[in-house]
Amino acid sequence: MSLQKLLKKKKPLIMGVLNVTPDSFSDGGQFNTTEKAYDHALQLIDEGADIIDIGGESSRPGAIPVSFEDEMERVLPVVKLLKKKSSIHISVDTYKSKLMQLVLDEGVDLINDIKALTGENSLQVIKCYEHAMVCMMHMQGDPLNMQNNPSYENEIHLEIIKFFKNRLDVCLQSGISLERFILDPGFGFGKTFEHNWKIFQNMETFNKLNYPLLIGLSRKSMLKKIMGDREDWLDEATGFFSSKLVDKSPMIIRTHNVKVTKKYLEDRK
């Protein structure tokens, strides 16, 4: 079943994070070979992931961009191996249009773009692959500077809605079907703790846009401020707080620990 059809069932989906990077904020360097990444993907699938989200460039605060060549060498072999040996829905976390084109040629289901298709040629590439969905995220600034005193003129959730409306208009004018989109408010991307909490409290306002949402709270600084730095506590907090949002809109929950998140989603029934 296509990812688009799966989302229409309005059942929350779990996206397992697979970072094939040396420097991601939580699991950098743990899965930085094709074999290690593939084995971890199998673990995430066994634990109940509906989607595997493969990332080859860290977007943690202060992260320095990597070249297309480095990102491609990290991501493409893992995509090819997963496509060959599994039927899992695959997402690739990238804002580079060249990599988008390569992985879409391999049949990935979703492009997860932290820059909301503002990169060079991104719109043109996405337009050519009608089978794929796209997640556009809100971010103020970029990973290198986004946490340098972020501020907003109006209520943050209203500014994010305005941003999404503008980006969706651009996509529509570019000839891309709006049925292909998922929206991510971008917890932790150019936002203070107070901003993140305001988004959490006002999640139902995003329903007015009538799009599936992707929620990425996993191990974020927002939860660290509440729970501390212990990874097991952060995973429990990820599951707990994510489970409080899933009734407000059809959505995808992005998580490093699929097993724990799945437990919380099942417990809410």
C-alpha atoms as a PDB file:
ATOM      1  CA  MET A   1       0.000   0.000   0.000  1.00  0.00           C
ATOM      2  CA  SER A   2       1.338   3.445  -0.880  1.00  0.00           C
ATOM      3  CA  LEU A   3       2.267   5.830   1.907  1.00  0.00           C
ATOM      4  CA  GLN A   4      -0.388   8.269   0.710  1.00  0.00           C
ATOM      5  CA  LYS A   5      -3.112   5.615   1.028  1.00  0.00           C
ATOM      6  CA  LEU A   6      -1.750   4.522   4.398  1.00  0.00           C
ATOM      7  CA  LEU A   7      -2.011   8.066   5.752  1.00  0.00           C
ATOM      8  CA  LYS A   8      -5.622   8.315   4.606  1.00  0.00           C
ATOM      9  CA  LYS A   9      -6.489   5.537   7.058  1.00  0.00           C
ATOM     10  CA  LYS A  10      -5.859   8.159   9.779  1.00  0.00           C
ATOM     11  CA  LYS A  11      -3.850   5.757  11.879  1.00  0.00           C
ATOM     12  CA  PRO A  12      -0.700   7.245  13.440  1.00  0.00           C
ATOM     13  CA  LEU A  13       2.431   5.952  11.740  1.00  0.00           C
ATOM     14  CA  ILE A  14       5.839   5.488  13.332  1.00  0.00           C
ATOM     15  CA  MET A  15       8.927   6.759  11.533  1.00  0.00           C
ATOM     16  CA  GLY A  16      12.154   5.202  12.771  1.00  0.00           C
ATOM     17  CA  VAL A  17      15.214   7.459  12.638  1.00  0.00           C
ATOM     18  CA  LEU A  18      18.266   6.048  10.865  1.00  0.00           C
ATOM     19  CA  ASN A  19      21.129   8.547  10.967  1.00  0.00           C
ATOM     20  CA  VAL A  20      24.085   7.453   8.837  1.00  0.00           C
ATOM     21  CA  THR A  21      26.208  10.355  10.056  1.00  0.00           C
ATOM     22  CA  PRO A  22      29.259  10.747  12.304  1.00  0.00           C
ATOM     23  CA  ASP A  23      27.856  13.725  14.208  1.00  0.00           C
ATOM     24  CA  SER A  24      24.086  13.596  14.746  1.00  0.00           C
ATOM     25  CA  PHE A  25      23.127  14.916  18.173  1.00  0.00           C
ATOM     26  CA  SER A  26      21.884  11.608  19.579  1.00  0.00           C
ATOM     27  CA  ASP A  27      23.278   8.673  17.632  1.00  0.00           C
ATOM     28  CA  GLY A  28      26.080  10.086  15.492  1.00  0.00           C
ATOM     29  CA  GLY A  29      28.577   7.463  14.400  1.00  0.00           C
ATOM     30  CA  GLN A  30      26.599   4.454  15.585  1.00  0.00           C
ATOM     31  CA  PHE A  31      25.301   3.430  12.153  1.00  0.00           C
ATOM     32  CA  ASN A  32      27.861   4.964   9.816  1.00  0.00           C
ATOM     33  CA  THR A  33      28.452   1.904   7.633  1.00  0.00           C
ATOM     34  CA  THR A  34      25.943   0.379   5.228  1.00  0.00           C
ATOM     35  CA  GLU A  35      25.917  -2.893   7.156  1.00  0.00           C
ATOM     36  CA  LYS A  36      25.380  -1.260  10.565  1.00  0.00           C
ATOM     37  CA  ALA A  37      22.678   0.988   9.124  1.00  0.00           C
ATOM     38  CA  TYR A  38      20.889  -1.928   7.484  1.00  0.00           C
ATOM     39  CA  ASP A  39      20.973  -4.002  10.668  1.00  0.00           C
ATOM     40  CA  HIS A  40      19.558  -1.109  12.677  1.00  0.00           C
ATOM     41  CA  ALA A  41      16.836  -0.562  10.084  1.00  0.00           C
ATOM     42  CA  LEU A  42      15.826  -4.216  10.478  1.00  0.00           C
ATOM     43  CA  GLN A  43      15.648  -3.704  14.239  1.00  0.00           C
ATOM     44  CA  LEU A  44      13.434  -0.644  13.821  1.00  0.00           C
ATOM     45  CA  ILE A  45      11.176  -2.570  11.441  1.00  0.00           C
ATOM     46  CA  ASP A  46      10.922  -5.499  13.877  1.00  0.00           C
ATOM     47  CA  GLU A  47       9.951  -3.055  16.620  1.00  0.00           C
ATOM     48  CA  GLY A  48       7.079  -1.687  14.542  1.00  0.00           C
ATOM     49  CA  ALA A  49       8.332   1.122  12.312  1.00  0.00           C
ATOM     50  CA  ASP A  50       6.080   1.958   9.366  1.00  0.00           C
ATOM     51  CA  ILE A  51       8.725   4.194   7.740  1.00  0.00           C
ATOM     52  CA  ILE A  52      12.515   4.366   7.951  1.00  0.00           C
ATOM     53  CA  ASP A  53      13.888   7.914   7.693  1.00  0.00           C
ATOM     54  CA  ILE A  54      17.488   7.891   6.449  1.00  0.00           C
ATOM     55  CA  GLY A  55      19.614  10.975   7.095  1.00  0.00           C
ATOM     56  CA  GLY A  56      23.146  11.612   5.872  1.00  0.00           C
ATOM     57  CA  GLU A  57      23.684  15.149   7.190  1.00  0.00           C
ATOM     58  CA  SER A  58      23.268  16.193  10.796  1.00  0.00           C
ATOM     59  CA  SER A  59      20.787  18.995  11.439  1.00  0.00           C
ATOM     60  CA  ARG A  60      21.622  19.403  15.128  1.00  0.00           C
ATOM     61  CA  PRO A  61      22.150  23.000  16.331  1.00  0.00           C
ATOM     62  CA  GLY A  62      25.521  24.240  15.133  1.00  0.00           C
ATOM     63  CA  ALA A  63      25.954  21.488  12.540  1.00  0.00           C
ATOM     64  CA  ILE A  64      28.148  22.317   9.542  1.00  0.00           C
ATOM     65  CA  PRO A  65      26.719  21.350   6.114  1.00  0.00           C
ATOM     66  CA  VAL A  66      28.300  18.423   4.279  1.00  0.00           C
ATOM     67  CA  SER A  67      28.920  18.087   0.556  1.00  0.00           C
ATOM     68  CA  PHE A  68      26.504  16.372  -1.788  1.00  0.00           C
ATOM     69  CA  GLU A  69      29.148  13.711  -2.473  1.00  0.00           C
ATOM     70  CA  ASP A  70      29.583  12.851   1.222  1.00  0.00           C
ATOM     71  CA  GLU A  71      25.842  12.756   1.849  1.00  0.00           C
ATOM     72  CA  MET A  72      25.244  10.621  -1.224  1.00  0.00           C
ATOM     73  CA  GLU A  73      27.946   8.110  -0.240  1.00  0.00           C
ATOM     74  CA  ARG A  74      26.336   7.722   3.183  1.00  0.00           C
ATOM     75  CA  VAL A  75      22.706   7.493   2.086  1.00  0.00           C
ATOM     76  CA  LEU A  76      22.447   5.890  -1.343  1.00  0.00           C
ATOM     77  CA  PRO A  77      23.921   2.442  -0.500  1.00  0.00           C
ATOM     78  CA  VAL A  78      21.551   2.100   2.457  1.00  0.00           C
ATOM     79  CA  VAL A  79      18.553   3.068   0.317  1.00  0.00           C
ATOM     80  CA  LYS A  80      19.521   0.530  -2.333  1.00  0.00           C
ATOM     81  CA  LEU A  81      20.000  -2.265   0.198  1.00  0.00           C
ATOM     82  CA  LEU A  82      16.693  -1.578   1.966  1.00  0.00           C
ATOM     83  CA  LYS A  83      14.833  -1.411  -1.344  1.00  0.00           C
ATOM     84  CA  LYS A  84      16.378  -4.711  -2.390  1.00  0.00           C
ATOM     85  CA  LYS A  85      15.770  -6.633   0.826  1.00  0.00           C
ATOM     86  CA  SER A  86      12.657  -5.129   2.419  1.00  0.00           C
ATOM     87  CA  SER A  87       9.267  -3.651   1.582  1.00  0.00           C
ATOM     88  CA  ILE A  88       9.406  -0.909   4.233  1.00  0.00           C
ATOM     89  CA  HIS A  89       8.391   2.625   3.287  1.00  0.00           C
ATOM     90  CA  ILE A  90      11.576   4.684   2.980  1.00  0.00           C
ATOM     91  CA  SER A  91      12.054   8.394   3.650  1.00  0.00           C
ATOM     92  CA  VAL A  92      15.238  10.337   2.951  1.00  0.00           C
ATOM     93  CA  ASP A  93      16.013  13.385   5.054  1.00  0.00           C
ATOM     94  CA  THR A  94      17.668  15.817   2.647  1.00  0.00           C
ATOM     95  CA  TYR A  95      17.323  19.305   1.194  1.00  0.00           C
ATOM     96  CA  LYS A  96      19.721  18.708  -1.717  1.00  0.00           C
ATOM     97  CA  SER A  97      17.902  18.310  -5.034  1.00  0.00           C
ATOM     98  CA  LYS A  98      20.637  16.126  -6.547  1.00  0.00           C
ATOM     99  CA  LEU A  99      20.246  13.577  -3.774  1.00  0.00           C
ATOM    100  CA  MET A 100      16.463  13.828  -3.964  1.00  0.00           C
ATOM    101  CA  GLN A 101      16.637  12.842  -7.628  1.00  0.00           C
ATOM    102  CA  LEU A 102      18.972   9.895  -6.987  1.00  0.00           C
ATOM    103  CA  VAL A 103      16.920   8.379  -4.180  1.00  0.00           C
ATOM    104  CA  LEU A 104      13.620   9.021  -5.942  1.00  0.00           C
ATOM    105  CA  ASP A 105      15.025   7.089  -8.895  1.00  0.00           C
ATOM    106  CA  GLU A 106      15.459   4.223  -6.420  1.00  0.00           C
ATOM    107  CA  GLY A 107      11.778   4.460  -5.499  1.00  0.00           C
ATOM    108  CA  VAL A 108      11.824   6.056  -2.043  1.00  0.00           C
ATOM    109  CA  ASP A 109       8.389   7.007  -0.748  1.00  0.00           C
ATOM    110  CA  LEU A 110       9.068  10.308   0.994  1.00  0.00           C
ATOM    111  CA  ILE A 111      11.458  13.246   0.888  1.00  0.00           C
ATOM    112  CA  ASN A 112      11.798  14.817   4.327  1.00  0.00           C
ATOM    113  CA  ASP A 113      13.075  18.345   3.686  1.00  0.00           C
ATOM    114  CA  ILE A 114      14.003  20.590   6.615  1.00  0.00           C
ATOM    115  CA  LYS A 115      14.209  23.537   4.181  1.00  0.00           C
ATOM    116  CA  ALA A 116      10.710  23.052   2.761  1.00  0.00           C
ATOM    117  CA  LEU A 117      11.744  22.813  -0.907  1.00  0.00           C
ATOM    118  CA  THR A 118      13.519  26.165  -0.897  1.00  0.00           C
ATOM    119  CA  GLY A 119      16.765  24.626  -2.147  1.00  0.00           C
ATOM    120  CA  GLU A 120      18.001  25.024  -5.709  1.00  0.00           C
ATOM    121  CA  ASN A 121      15.957  22.920  -8.177  1.00  0.00           C
ATOM    122  CA  SER A 122      14.069  21.141  -5.388  1.00  0.00           C
ATOM    123  CA  LEU A 123      10.660  22.094  -6.741  1.00  0.00           C
ATOM    124  CA  GLN A 124      11.571  21.005 -10.254  1.00  0.00           C
ATOM    125  CA  VAL A 125      12.844  17.620  -9.056  1.00  0.00           C
ATOM    126  CA  ILE A 126       9.858  16.905  -6.824  1.00  0.00           C
ATOM    127  CA  LYS A 127       7.452  17.791  -9.638  1.00  0.00           C
ATOM    128  CA  CYS A 128       8.894  14.962 -11.758  1.00  0.00           C
ATOM    129  CA  TYR A 129       8.260  12.174  -9.225  1.00  0.00           C
ATOM    130  CA  GLU A 130       4.534  12.007  -8.681  1.00  0.00           C
ATOM    131  CA  HIS A 131       4.723   8.742  -6.709  1.00  0.00           C
ATOM    132  CA  ALA A 132       6.559  10.362  -3.794  1.00  0.00           C
ATOM    133  CA  MET A 133       5.271  12.365  -0.862  1.00  0.00           C
ATOM    134  CA  VAL A 134       7.112  15.333   0.610  1.00  0.00           C
ATOM    135  CA  CYS A 135       7.399  16.553   4.180  1.00  0.00           C
ATOM    136  CA  MET A 136       8.079  20.286   4.469  1.00  0.00           C
ATOM    137  CA  MET A 137       9.409  21.466   7.814  1.00  0.00           C
ATOM    138  CA  HIS A 138       9.402  24.923   9.375  1.00  0.00           C
ATOM    139  CA  MET A 139      12.799  26.225  10.448  1.00  0.00           C
ATOM    140  CA  GLN A 140      14.005  29.699  11.310  1.00  0.00           C
ATOM    141  CA  GLY A 141      17.541  30.138   9.977  1.00  0.00           C
ATOM    142  CA  ASP A 142      19.594  27.012   9.353  1.00  0.00           C
ATOM    143  CA  PRO A 143      21.196  24.411  11.653  1.00  0.00           C
ATOM    144  CA  LEU A 144      24.403  26.427  11.934  1.00  0.00           C
ATOM    145  CA  ASN A 145      22.669  29.498  13.419  1.00  0.00           C
ATOM    146  CA  MET A 146      19.056  28.551  14.161  1.00  0.00           C
ATOM    147  CA  GLN A 147      19.426  28.584  17.954  1.00  0.00           C
ATOM    148  CA  ASN A 148      21.143  31.977  18.082  1.00  0.00           C
ATOM    149  CA  ASN A 149      18.367  33.809  19.913  1.00  0.00           C
ATOM    150  CA  PRO A 150      15.348  32.797  17.781  1.00  0.00           C
ATOM    151  CA  SER A 151      12.433  35.228  17.953  1.00  0.00           C
ATOM    152  CA  TYR A 152       9.027  35.729  16.317  1.00  0.00           C
ATOM    153  CA  GLU A 153       6.889  38.819  15.871  1.00  0.00           C
ATOM    154  CA  ASN A 154       3.570  37.025  16.396  1.00  0.00           C
ATOM    155  CA  GLU A 155       2.313  33.828  18.036  1.00  0.00           C
ATOM    156  CA  ILE A 156       4.654  31.162  16.774  1.00  0.00           C
ATOM    157  CA  HIS A 157       1.988  28.680  15.698  1.00  0.00           C
ATOM    158  CA  LEU A 158       0.350  31.400  13.590  1.00  0.00           C
ATOM    159  CA  GLU A 159       3.666  32.287  11.969  1.00  0.00           C
ATOM    160  CA  ILE A 160       4.271  28.631  11.144  1.00  0.00           C
ATOM    161  CA  ILE A 161       0.814  28.335   9.572  1.00  0.00           C
ATOM    162  CA  LYS A 162       1.520  31.438   7.482  1.00  0.00           C
ATOM    163  CA  PHE A 163       4.849  29.935   6.389  1.00  0.00           C
ATOM    164  CA  PHE A 164       3.199  26.683   5.327  1.00  0.00           C
ATOM    165  CA  LYS A 165       0.472  28.478   3.379  1.00  0.00           C
ATOM    166  CA  ASN A 166       3.110  30.440   1.481  1.00  0.00           C
ATOM    167  CA  ARG A 167       5.174  27.344   0.691  1.00  0.00           C
ATOM    168  CA  LEU A 168       2.115  25.362  -0.400  1.00  0.00           C
ATOM    169  CA  ASP A 169       1.096  28.195  -2.707  1.00  0.00           C
ATOM    170  CA  VAL A 170       4.556  28.134  -4.299  1.00  0.00           C
ATOM    171  CA  CYS A 171       4.352  24.355  -4.726  1.00  0.00           C
ATOM    172  CA  LEU A 172       0.908  24.568  -6.300  1.00  0.00           C
ATOM    173  CA  GLN A 173       2.086  27.268  -8.715  1.00  0.00           C
ATOM    174  CA  SER A 174       4.996  24.979  -9.605  1.00  0.00           C
ATOM    175  CA  GLY A 175       2.572  22.275 -10.654  1.00  0.00           C
ATOM    176  CA  ILE A 176       2.966  19.947  -7.654  1.00  0.00           C
ATOM    177  CA  SER A 177      -0.183  18.268  -6.336  1.00  0.00           C
ATOM    178  CA  LEU A 178      -0.905  19.376  -2.782  1.00  0.00           C
ATOM    179  CA  GLU A 179      -2.144  15.877  -1.925  1.00  0.00           C
ATOM    180  CA  ARG A 180       1.504  14.859  -1.746  1.00  0.00           C
ATOM    181  CA  PHE A 181       2.407  16.995   1.264  1.00  0.00           C
ATOM    182  CA  ILE A 182       3.034  16.365   4.944  1.00  0.00           C
ATOM    183  CA  LEU A 183       3.868  19.267   7.275  1.00  0.00           C
ATOM    184  CA  ASP A 184       6.295  19.369  10.195  1.00  0.00           C
ATOM    185  CA  PRO A 185       6.182  22.344  12.623  1.00  0.00           C
ATOM    186  CA  GLY A 186       9.874  21.779  13.351  1.00  0.00           C
ATOM    187  CA  PHE A 187      10.239  21.307  17.094  1.00  0.00           C
ATOM    188  CA  GLY A 188      13.712  22.529  18.066  1.00  0.00           C
ATOM    189  CA  PHE A 189      14.559  24.166  14.746  1.00  0.00           C
ATOM    190  CA  GLY A 190      14.993  27.876  15.433  1.00  0.00           C
ATOM    191  CA  LYS A 191      12.844  27.776  18.558  1.00  0.00           C
ATOM    192  CA  THR A 192      13.261  28.277  22.290  1.00  0.00           C
ATOM    193  CA  PHE A 193      11.754  25.966  24.886  1.00  0.00           C
ATOM    194  CA  GLU A 194       8.841  28.387  25.204  1.00  0.00           C
ATOM    195  CA  HIS A 195       8.284  28.366  21.438  1.00  0.00           C
ATOM    196  CA  ASN A 196       8.305  24.563  21.363  1.00  0.00           C
ATOM    197  CA  TRP A 197       5.843  24.342  24.230  1.00  0.00           C
ATOM    198  CA  LYS A 198       3.544  26.868  22.554  1.00  0.00           C
ATOM    199  CA  ILE A 199       3.495  24.729  19.404  1.00  0.00           C
ATOM    200  CA  PHE A 200       2.725  21.646  21.476  1.00  0.00           C
ATOM    201  CA  GLN A 201      -0.164  23.377  23.230  1.00  0.00           C
ATOM    202  CA  ASN A 202      -1.642  24.669  19.965  1.00  0.00           C
ATOM    203  CA  MET A 203      -1.179  21.631  17.748  1.00  0.00           C
ATOM    204  CA  GLU A 204      -4.892  21.514  16.942  1.00  0.00           C
ATOM    205  CA  THR A 205      -4.592  24.826  15.076  1.00  0.00           C
ATOM    206  CA  PHE A 206      -2.614  23.053  12.352  1.00  0.00           C
ATOM    207  CA  ASN A 207      -5.725  20.990  11.573  1.00  0.00           C
ATOM    208  CA  LYS A 208      -7.055  24.055   9.747  1.00  0.00           C
ATOM    209  CA  LEU A 209      -4.500  23.359   7.036  1.00  0.00           C
ATOM    210  CA  ASN A 210      -5.950  19.856   6.557  1.00  0.00           C
ATOM    211  CA  TYR A 211      -2.636  18.059   5.973  1.00  0.00           C
ATOM    212  CA  PRO A 212      -1.014  15.114   7.735  1.00  0.00           C
ATOM    213  CA  LEU A 213       1.594  16.201  10.246  1.00  0.00           C
ATOM    214  CA  LEU A 214       5.003  14.853  11.115  1.00  0.00           C
ATOM    215  CA  ILE A 215       6.039  15.277  14.747  1.00  0.00           C
ATOM    216  CA  GLY A 216       9.726  15.141  15.653  1.00  0.00           C
ATOM    217  CA  LEU A 217      10.041  15.441  19.424  1.00  0.00           C
ATOM    218  CA  SER A 218      12.477  12.555  19.784  1.00  0.00           C
ATOM    219  CA  ARG A 219      15.288  13.301  22.252  1.00  0.00           C
ATOM    220  CA  LYS A 220      14.956  17.027  21.576  1.00  0.00           C
ATOM    221  CA  SER A 221      16.207  19.760  23.920  1.00  0.00           C
ATOM    222  CA  MET A 222      12.599  20.529  24.856  1.00  0.00           C
ATOM    223  CA  LEU A 223      12.364  17.102  26.486  1.00  0.00           C
ATOM    224  CA  LYS A 224      15.871  17.343  27.960  1.00  0.00           C
ATOM    225  CA  LYS A 225      14.804  20.463  29.838  1.00  0.00           C
ATOM    226  CA  ILE A 226      11.924  18.482  31.338  1.00  0.00           C
ATOM    227  CA  MET A 227      13.567  15.077  31.833  1.00  0.00           C
ATOM    228  CA  GLY A 228      17.353  15.570  31.836  1.00  0.00           C
ATOM    229  CA  ASP A 229      19.913  13.931  29.544  1.00  0.00           C
ATOM    230  CA  ARG A 230      19.350  10.227  30.274  1.00  0.00           C
ATOM    231  CA  GLU A 231      18.542   8.540  26.963  1.00  0.00           C
ATOM    232  CA  ASP A 232      16.035   6.066  28.395  1.00  0.00           C
ATOM    233  CA  TRP A 233      14.118   8.877  30.077  1.00  0.00           C
ATOM    234  CA  LEU A 234      14.150  10.898  26.869  1.00  0.00           C
ATOM    235  CA  ASP A 235      12.766   7.945  24.926  1.00  0.00           C
ATOM    236  CA  GLU A 236       9.957   7.522  27.453  1.00  0.00           C
ATOM    237  CA  ALA A 237       9.216  11.260  27.231  1.00  0.00           C
ATOM    238  CA  THR A 238       9.219  11.071  23.440  1.00  0.00           C
ATOM    239  CA  GLY A 239       6.625   8.332  23.505  1.00  0.00           C
ATOM    240  CA  PHE A 240       4.496   9.991  26.183  1.00  0.00           C
ATOM    241  CA  PHE A 241       4.351  13.500  24.702  1.00  0.00           C
ATOM    242  CA  SER A 242       3.967  12.235  21.137  1.00  0.00           C
ATOM    243  CA  SER A 243       1.038  10.059  22.162  1.00  0.00           C
ATOM    244  CA  LYS A 244      -0.746  13.155  23.470  1.00  0.00           C
ATOM    245  CA  LEU A 245      -0.781  14.674  19.988  1.00  0.00           C
ATOM    246  CA  VAL A 246      -1.886  11.853  17.708  1.00  0.00           C
ATOM    247  CA  ASP A 247      -5.630  12.385  18.144  1.00  0.00           C
ATOM    248  CA  LYS A 248      -5.369  15.974  16.897  1.00  0.00           C
ATOM    249  CA  SER A 249      -4.451  15.164  13.286  1.00  0.00           C
ATOM    250  CA  PRO A 250      -3.418  12.206  11.095  1.00  0.00           C
ATOM    251  CA  MET A 251       0.267  12.130  11.717  1.00  0.00           C
ATOM    252  CA  ILE A 252       3.645  10.482  11.606  1.00  0.00           C
ATOM    253  CA  ILE A 253       5.658  10.227  14.808  1.00  0.00           C
ATOM    254  CA  ARG A 254       9.413  10.408  14.170  1.00  0.00           C
ATOM    255  CA  THR A 255      11.410   8.590  16.847  1.00  0.00           C
ATOM    256  CA  HIS A 256      14.795   7.087  17.612  1.00  0.00           C
ATOM    257  CA  ASN A 257      13.252   4.393  19.808  1.00  0.00           C
ATOM    258  CA  VAL A 258      10.390   2.735  17.934  1.00  0.00           C
ATOM    259  CA  LYS A 259       9.693   0.130  20.606  1.00  0.00           C
ATOM    260  CA  VAL A 260       9.045   2.654  23.369  1.00  0.00           C
ATOM    261  CA  THR A 261       7.033   5.028  21.166  1.00  0.00           C
ATOM    262  CA  LYS A 262       4.880   2.160  19.892  1.00  0.00           C
ATOM    263  CA  LYS A 263       4.140   1.160  23.472  1.00  0.00           C
ATOM    264  CA  TYR A 264       2.765   4.608  24.271  1.00  0.00           C
ATOM    265  CA  LEU A 265       0.705   4.770  21.089  1.00  0.00           C
ATOM    266  CA  GLU A 266      -0.864   1.381  21.906  1.00  0.00           C
ATOM    267  CA  ASP A 267      -1.478   2.297  25.551  1.00  0.00           C
ATOM    268  CA  ARG A 268      -3.626   5.285  24.544  1.00  0.00           C
ATOM    269  CA  LYS A 269      -6.269   3.037  22.950  1.00  0.00           C
END
